[in-house]
């Protein structure tokens, strides 16, 4: 993860302005990035059983 202070500097903004302007772009990124990593590794998450719990111990 790149620190917000560094990205703000690259964009020529303060961290406050960076987060106000770009927060909507960041929403949901973690899920998308995890999915890309899982795809690259060929990993698929365990499917939950009937009670919604993972089969992993």
C-alpha atoms as a PDB file:
ATOM      1  CA  UNK A   1       0.000   0.000   0.000  1.00  0.00           C
ATOM      2  CA  UNK A   2       1.275   3.463  -0.854  1.00  0.00           C
ATOM      3  CA  UNK A   3       1.021   6.041   1.947  1.00  0.00           C
ATOM      4  CA  UNK A   4      -1.607   8.741   1.393  1.00  0.00           C
ATOM      5  CA  UNK A   5       0.978  11.433   2.100  1.00  0.00           C
ATOM      6  CA  UNK A   6       3.101  10.219  -0.809  1.00  0.00           C
ATOM      7  CA  UNK A   7       0.167  10.000  -3.232  1.00  0.00           C
ATOM      8  CA  UNK A   8      -1.035  13.443  -2.163  1.00  0.00           C
ATOM      9  CA  UNK A   9       2.405  14.848  -2.910  1.00  0.00           C
ATOM     10  CA  UNK A  10       2.433  13.225  -6.355  1.00  0.00           C
ATOM     11  CA  UNK A  11      -1.000  14.694  -7.088  1.00  0.00           C
ATOM     12  CA  UNK A  12      -0.081  18.117  -5.728  1.00  0.00           C
ATOM     13  CA  UNK A  13      -2.785  17.942  -3.044  1.00  0.00           C
ATOM     14  CA  UNK A  14      -2.970  17.762   0.709  1.00  0.00           C
ATOM     15  CA  UNK A  15      -4.022  14.418   2.168  1.00  0.00           C
ATOM     16  CA  UNK A  16      -7.368  15.983   3.123  1.00  0.00           C
ATOM     17  CA  UNK A  17      -8.065  17.072  -0.466  1.00  0.00           C
ATOM     18  CA  UNK A  18      -6.803  13.764  -1.853  1.00  0.00           C
ATOM     19  CA  UNK A  19      -9.213  11.780   0.314  1.00  0.00           C
ATOM     20  CA  UNK A  20     -12.163  14.089  -0.417  1.00  0.00           C
ATOM     21  CA  UNK A  21     -11.642  13.919  -4.169  1.00  0.00           C
ATOM     22  CA  UNK A  22     -10.549  10.320  -4.592  1.00  0.00           C
ATOM     23  CA  UNK A  23     -12.315   8.471  -1.743  1.00  0.00           C
ATOM     24  CA  UNK A  24     -15.021   7.282  -4.129  1.00  0.00           C
ATOM     25  CA  UNK A  25     -12.328   5.777  -6.351  1.00  0.00           C
ATOM     26  CA  UNK A  26     -10.860   3.809  -3.462  1.00  0.00           C
ATOM     27  CA  UNK A  27     -14.109   2.338  -2.170  1.00  0.00           C
ATOM     28  CA  UNK A  28     -14.116  -1.396  -2.839  1.00  0.00           C
ATOM     29  CA  UNK A  29     -10.511  -1.545  -3.992  1.00  0.00           C
ATOM     30  CA  UNK A  30      -9.502  -4.055  -1.321  1.00  0.00           C
ATOM     31  CA  UNK A  31     -12.002  -6.621  -2.577  1.00  0.00           C
ATOM     32  CA  UNK A  32     -10.939  -6.095  -6.176  1.00  0.00           C
ATOM     33  CA  UNK A  33      -7.223  -6.304  -5.361  1.00  0.00           C
ATOM     34  CA  UNK A  34      -7.672  -9.447  -3.251  1.00  0.00           C
ATOM     35  CA  UNK A  35      -9.582 -11.025  -6.115  1.00  0.00           C
ATOM     36  CA  UNK A  36      -6.798 -10.201  -8.569  1.00  0.00           C
ATOM     37  CA  UNK A  37      -4.192 -11.715  -6.246  1.00  0.00           C
ATOM     38  CA  UNK A  38      -6.308 -14.838  -5.706  1.00  0.00           C
ATOM     39  CA  UNK A  39      -6.762 -15.214  -9.471  1.00  0.00           C
ATOM     40  CA  UNK A  40      -3.021 -14.851 -10.065  1.00  0.00           C
ATOM     41  CA  UNK A  41      -2.267 -17.494  -7.434  1.00  0.00           C
ATOM     42  CA  UNK A  42      -5.014 -19.807  -8.668  1.00  0.00           C
ATOM     43  CA  UNK A  43      -6.615 -19.781  -5.215  1.00  0.00           C
ATOM     44  CA  UNK A  44     -10.347 -20.034  -4.651  1.00  0.00           C
ATOM     45  CA  UNK A  45     -11.891 -19.384  -1.246  1.00  0.00           C
ATOM     46  CA  UNK A  46     -13.729 -22.177   0.542  1.00  0.00           C
ATOM     47  CA  UNK A  47     -17.435 -22.086  -0.044  1.00  0.00           C
ATOM     48  CA  UNK A  48     -19.488 -21.567   3.111  1.00  0.00           C
ATOM     49  CA  UNK A  49     -21.569 -24.485   4.347  1.00  0.00           C
ATOM     50  CA  UNK A  50     -25.281 -24.295   5.093  1.00  0.00           C
ATOM     51  CA  UNK A  51     -24.887 -22.244   8.267  1.00  0.00           C
ATOM     52  CA  UNK A  52     -22.671 -19.692   6.512  1.00  0.00           C
ATOM     53  CA  UNK A  53     -19.425 -20.905   8.068  1.00  0.00           C
ATOM     54  CA  UNK A  54     -16.324 -21.779   6.087  1.00  0.00           C
ATOM     55  CA  UNK A  55     -15.269 -25.427   6.064  1.00  0.00           C
ATOM     56  CA  UNK A  56     -11.754 -24.370   7.091  1.00  0.00           C
ATOM     57  CA  UNK A  57     -10.745 -25.267  10.625  1.00  0.00           C
END
